[in-house]
Protein backbone atom coordinates (compact mmCIF):
# COMPACT_ATOMS: atom_id res chain seq x y z
CA UNK A 1 79.60 0.81 81.30
CA UNK A 2 78.81 -1.92 83.75
CA UNK A 3 81.54 -4.10 85.47
CA UNK A 4 80.77 -7.80 84.73
CA UNK A 5 81.11 -10.34 87.26
CA UNK A 6 83.76 -12.91 86.80
CA UNK A 7 83.95 -14.72 90.27
CA UNK A 8 80.65 -15.94 91.20
CA UNK A 9 76.95 -15.66 90.20
CA UNK A 10 75.12 -17.42 93.01
CA UNK A 11 71.46 -16.82 93.74
CA UNK A 12 71.18 -14.40 96.70
CA UNK A 13 68.79 -14.20 99.58
CA UNK A 14 65.75 -12.48 98.66
CA UNK A 15 65.77 -8.62 99.68
CA UNK A 16 62.96 -6.29 100.05
CA UNK A 17 61.73 -3.98 97.38
CA UNK A 18 59.23 -1.38 97.97
CA UNK A 19 55.89 -1.06 96.30
CA UNK A 20 55.93 -0.14 92.50
CA UNK A 21 59.69 -0.38 92.34
CA UNK A 22 60.44 2.05 95.08
CA UNK A 23 63.76 1.77 96.67
CA UNK A 24 63.78 1.88 100.41
CA UNK A 25 66.29 4.10 102.01
CA UNK A 26 66.31 2.16 105.11
CA UNK A 27 66.18 -1.77 105.20
CA UNK A 28 67.89 -4.72 106.84
CA UNK A 29 68.32 -6.21 103.46
CA UNK A 30 70.01 -3.18 102.05
CA UNK A 31 71.70 -3.04 99.40
CA UNK A 32 69.06 -4.85 97.30
CA UNK A 33 70.08 -7.12 94.70
CA UNK A 34 69.81 -6.87 90.95
CA UNK A 35 71.00 -8.68 87.93
CA UNK A 36 71.85 -7.27 84.42
CA UNK A 37 69.87 -8.60 81.41
CA UNK A 38 72.14 -8.60 78.31
CA UNK A 39 69.94 -10.74 75.97
CA UNK A 40 66.15 -10.91 75.58
CA UNK A 41 65.74 -14.05 77.53
CA UNK A 42 62.49 -14.66 79.18
CA UNK A 43 63.83 -17.66 80.93
CA UNK A 44 66.78 -15.64 82.42
CA UNK A 45 64.18 -13.57 84.09
CA UNK A 46 62.07 -16.30 85.38
CA UNK A 47 65.14 -18.11 86.79
CA UNK A 48 66.43 -14.90 88.39
CA UNK A 49 63.15 -14.52 90.21
CA UNK A 50 62.92 -18.09 91.14
CA UNK A 51 66.44 -17.88 92.77
CA UNK A 52 65.68 -14.71 94.68
CA UNK A 53 66.59 -11.71 92.66
CA UNK A 54 64.23 -8.77 92.77
CA UNK A 55 65.48 -6.22 90.26
CA UNK A 56 66.08 -6.53 86.76
CA UNK A 57 68.19 -4.20 84.75
CA UNK A 58 67.63 -4.47 81.16
CA UNK A 59 70.75 -3.29 79.27
CA UNK A 60 69.73 -1.33 76.15
CA UNK A 61 73.35 0.36 75.85
CA UNK A 62 75.67 -2.42 75.91
CA UNK A 63 73.27 -5.43 75.43
CA UNK A 64 71.35 -6.90 72.45
CA UNK A 65 67.80 -5.97 73.61
CA UNK A 66 65.72 -3.65 71.04
CA UNK A 67 62.54 -1.67 71.85
CA UNK A 68 60.13 -4.37 70.95
CA UNK A 69 62.01 -7.09 72.92
CA UNK A 70 62.15 -4.74 75.82
CA UNK A 71 58.41 -3.93 75.76
CA UNK A 72 57.82 -7.68 76.23
CA UNK A 73 60.55 -8.20 78.85
CA UNK A 74 59.14 -5.40 81.04
CA UNK A 75 55.76 -7.10 81.09
CA UNK A 76 57.32 -10.50 81.61
CA UNK A 77 59.63 -9.29 84.57
CA UNK A 78 56.86 -7.61 86.29
CA UNK A 79 54.43 -10.75 85.96
CA UNK A 80 57.11 -12.57 87.43
CA UNK A 81 57.43 -10.42 90.49
CA UNK A 82 60.46 -8.46 89.58
CA UNK A 83 60.91 -4.81 89.90
CA UNK A 84 62.55 -3.93 86.49
CA UNK A 85 64.79 -1.02 85.55
CA UNK A 86 65.99 -0.01 81.95
CA UNK A 87 69.34 1.39 81.26
CA UNK A 88 68.52 3.10 77.86
CA UNK A 89 70.93 3.03 75.10
CA UNK A 90 71.08 6.89 75.01
CA UNK A 91 69.94 9.71 77.35
CA UNK A 92 67.40 10.90 74.80
CA UNK A 93 63.52 11.61 74.89
CA UNK A 94 62.33 8.93 72.66
CA UNK A 95 64.18 6.06 74.33
CA UNK A 96 63.36 7.03 77.79
CA UNK A 97 59.68 7.54 77.10
CA UNK A 98 59.38 4.19 75.40
CA UNK A 99 61.26 2.30 78.60
CA UNK A 100 58.70 4.10 80.76
CA UNK A 101 55.54 3.58 78.54
CA UNK A 102 56.38 -0.13 78.39
CA UNK A 103 55.76 -0.19 82.23
CA UNK A 104 59.33 -0.11 83.55
CA UNK A 105 59.71 0.94 87.20
CA UNK A 106 62.61 3.26 86.22
CA UNK A 107 65.35 4.23 83.89
CA UNK A 108 69.12 4.61 84.18
CA UNK A 109 70.65 7.34 82.00
CA UNK A 110 74.10 6.72 80.59
CA UNK A 111 76.83 8.92 79.65
CA UNK A 112 75.56 11.89 81.54
CA UNK A 113 78.00 14.73 81.01
CA UNK A 114 77.27 17.22 83.76
CA UNK A 115 74.40 18.80 85.61
CA UNK A 116 72.95 20.55 82.84
CA UNK A 117 72.76 17.40 80.73
CA UNK A 118 71.25 15.61 83.44
CA UNK A 119 68.55 18.20 83.90
CA UNK A 120 67.53 17.91 80.30
CA UNK A 121 67.66 14.14 80.04
CA UNK A 122 65.79 13.56 83.46
CA UNK A 123 63.10 16.01 82.56
CA UNK A 124 62.00 13.30 79.94
CA UNK A 125 61.19 10.78 82.59
CA UNK A 126 58.75 12.92 84.46
CA UNK A 127 55.19 14.46 83.25
CA UNK A 128 54.58 18.18 83.64
CA UNK A 129 54.71 20.00 85.38
CA UNK A 130 57.92 18.23 87.16
CA UNK A 131 59.36 17.50 83.57
CA UNK A 132 58.49 17.17 79.91
CA UNK A 133 57.69 13.65 79.53
CA UNK A 134 55.24 13.08 76.55
CA UNK A 135 51.86 11.52 76.91
CA UNK A 136 51.35 8.45 74.97
CA UNK A 137 48.60 5.93 75.79
CA UNK A 138 50.08 2.59 76.67
CA UNK A 139 50.46 -0.07 79.19
CA UNK A 140 50.84 2.26 82.13
CA UNK A 141 47.42 3.65 81.38
CA UNK A 142 46.03 0.17 80.98
CA UNK A 143 45.34 1.21 77.36
CA UNK A 144 42.69 3.66 78.20
CA UNK A 145 41.79 7.03 79.48
CA UNK A 146 43.20 8.21 82.87
CA UNK A 147 42.21 11.31 85.11
CA UNK A 148 44.86 13.81 86.22
CA UNK A 149 45.80 12.06 89.30
CA UNK A 150 47.56 9.35 86.95
CA UNK A 151 50.39 11.83 86.02
CA UNK A 152 51.49 12.64 89.63
CA UNK A 153 51.23 8.86 90.51
CA UNK A 154 53.29 7.98 87.67
CA UNK A 155 55.84 10.44 88.50
CA UNK A 156 56.31 9.02 91.93
CA UNK A 157 55.98 5.37 90.72
CA UNK A 158 58.84 5.58 88.16
CA UNK A 159 62.61 6.29 89.29
CA UNK A 160 65.05 8.23 87.25
CA UNK A 161 68.69 7.40 88.05
CA UNK A 162 71.39 9.43 86.00
CA UNK A 163 74.69 7.44 85.82
CA UNK A 164 77.76 8.84 87.24
CA UNK A 165 80.31 7.57 84.88
CA UNK A 166 81.86 10.72 83.59
CA UNK A 167 84.39 13.32 84.91
CA UNK A 168 81.63 16.08 84.66
CA UNK A 169 78.75 13.85 86.12
CA UNK A 170 81.22 13.09 89.24
CA UNK A 171 82.11 16.80 89.48
CA UNK A 172 78.38 17.90 89.52
CA UNK A 173 76.95 14.80 91.36
CA UNK A 174 75.59 17.21 94.24
CA UNK A 175 73.67 19.17 91.67
CA UNK A 176 72.49 16.27 89.88
CA UNK A 177 71.09 14.93 93.02
CA UNK A 178 69.42 18.08 93.77
CA UNK A 179 67.34 18.00 90.71
CA UNK A 180 63.58 17.60 91.28
CA UNK A 181 63.50 15.01 88.38
CA UNK A 182 66.09 12.89 89.66
CA UNK A 183 65.36 10.11 92.28
CA UNK A 184 68.87 8.85 92.72
CA UNK A 185 72.05 7.83 90.73
CA UNK A 186 73.95 4.73 89.65
CA UNK A 187 77.77 4.73 89.17
CA UNK A 188 79.24 3.43 86.00
CA UNK A 189 82.72 2.35 87.59
CA UNK A 190 84.50 1.08 84.45
CA UNK A 191 83.82 4.29 82.37
CA UNK A 192 84.68 6.54 85.31
CA UNK A 193 87.94 4.66 86.04
CA UNK A 194 88.93 4.92 82.28
CA UNK A 195 87.91 8.67 82.02
CA UNK A 196 89.67 9.30 85.21
CA UNK A 197 92.89 8.06 83.75
CA UNK A 198 93.19 5.00 86.02
CA UNK A 199 92.65 2.48 83.16
CA UNK A 200 90.27 -0.56 83.65
CA UNK A 201 88.31 -0.61 86.72
CA UNK A 202 90.35 -2.64 89.56
CA UNK A 203 88.59 -1.16 92.72
CA UNK A 204 91.52 0.90 93.66
CA UNK A 205 91.53 3.40 96.55
CA UNK A 206 90.93 6.30 94.13
CA UNK A 207 87.64 4.25 92.94
CA UNK A 208 86.67 4.02 96.51
CA UNK A 209 87.08 7.65 96.98
CA UNK A 210 84.92 8.51 93.91
CA UNK A 211 82.24 6.15 95.28
CA UNK A 212 82.48 7.57 98.81
CA UNK A 213 81.78 11.26 97.20
CA UNK A 214 78.73 9.76 95.38
CA UNK A 215 77.40 7.87 98.64
CA UNK A 216 77.85 11.31 100.84
CA UNK A 217 75.93 13.33 98.13
CA UNK A 218 73.17 10.89 98.02
CA UNK A 219 72.83 10.71 101.82
CA UNK A 220 72.83 14.55 101.87
CA UNK A 221 70.16 14.67 99.39
CA UNK A 222 68.17 11.86 100.88
CA UNK A 223 68.07 9.92 97.75
CA UNK A 224 69.32 6.66 96.45
CA UNK A 225 72.37 5.47 94.81
CA UNK A 226 73.26 2.22 93.11
CA UNK A 227 76.51 0.38 91.90
CA UNK A 228 77.86 -2.95 90.26
CA UNK A 229 79.40 -5.07 92.99
CA UNK A 230 81.53 -7.87 91.10
CA UNK A 231 83.24 -9.24 94.20
CA UNK A 232 82.60 -9.66 97.82
CA UNK A 233 84.90 -6.92 98.88
CA UNK A 234 83.15 -4.42 96.46
CA UNK A 235 79.67 -5.61 97.98
CA UNK A 236 80.83 -5.19 101.43
CA UNK A 237 81.93 -1.73 100.44
CA UNK A 238 78.65 -0.77 98.88
CA UNK A 239 76.72 -1.97 101.94
CA UNK A 240 79.04 -0.13 104.35
CA UNK A 241 78.38 3.10 102.21
CA UNK A 242 74.62 2.48 102.21
CA UNK A 243 73.85 1.68 98.62
CA UNK A 244 70.31 1.01 98.08
CA UNK A 245 71.00 -1.57 95.30
CA UNK A 246 73.83 -3.46 93.56
CA UNK A 247 74.11 -5.56 90.39
CA UNK A 248 75.80 -8.81 91.34
CA UNK A 249 75.29 -10.81 88.13
CA UNK A 250 74.23 -10.88 84.45
CA UNK A 251 72.71 -13.45 82.31
CA UNK A 252 75.75 -14.05 80.27
CA UNK A 253 78.11 -14.59 83.17
CA UNK A 254 75.55 -16.78 84.74
CA UNK A 255 75.38 -18.96 81.56
CA UNK A 256 79.20 -19.14 81.25
CA UNK A 257 79.45 -20.18 85.01
CA UNK A 258 76.78 -22.84 84.59
CA UNK A 259 78.34 -24.28 81.30
CA UNK A 260 81.75 -24.17 82.81
CA UNK A 261 80.23 -26.31 86.07
CA UNK A 262 78.93 -28.74 83.48
CA UNK A 263 82.57 -29.46 82.16
CA UNK A 264 83.62 -29.79 85.77
CA UNK A 265 81.45 -32.61 86.38
CA UNK A 266 82.98 -34.26 83.29
CA UNK A 267 86.18 -33.65 84.74
CA UNK A 268 87.19 -31.09 81.97
CA UNK A 269 88.37 -27.50 82.16
CA UNK A 270 86.75 -24.66 80.41
CA UNK A 271 88.71 -23.68 77.24
CA UNK A 272 90.71 -20.31 77.42
């Protein structure tokens, strides 16, 4: 589960994203800034690109984006110059393959239970011999035949980031990051806090300790990690710990903030 932003949703300065969605491990603009897309809004993607966001994460786990809409959104985001990842609804073969066949630059895999589960799910995101992704002729192949170089190139182009949001995944984070099919991880702070018995996520010292464990494991593996940063404090922490990308807003919060600003112009306060 993501942690929604309730404080601000301002357009950030433009960060740098590597070619074909690759996350740079070293950048003066790290962490790179991303937003969640909860609804199938083409305009939200365009506006996000215009104000300076570079990464869109389509939320098919908690949002209301279906596979047909996701296919259109991926193409639209890439044409707008955005790197686009998809948090799939479930870490199963069909949905992972559909997201990647649409041309997404990567997938976030939710509710990973442990290293064994990560190994099974991440394999769906990579073609053989690295993984077990099925071959389907689609946008990534320009709707035509490809040679054998395509499969290795596609494995390198697309990123697979299991989410660290369960007790088992946190326990096995080093083993998960050691998998050849895994390019990095993304922390799900809300679910992790709940399952660790701390209640709703509140960026406690215990949360920070969990995040540091993930960041240390990622550094050791030489792989990327990401996290939601719903406040200036959590953003500064993510940057200090070397996160490669953070989510700082979502389309629904941006809409709420914008509508509330309109009421402010009229001297009215938002209803509670």
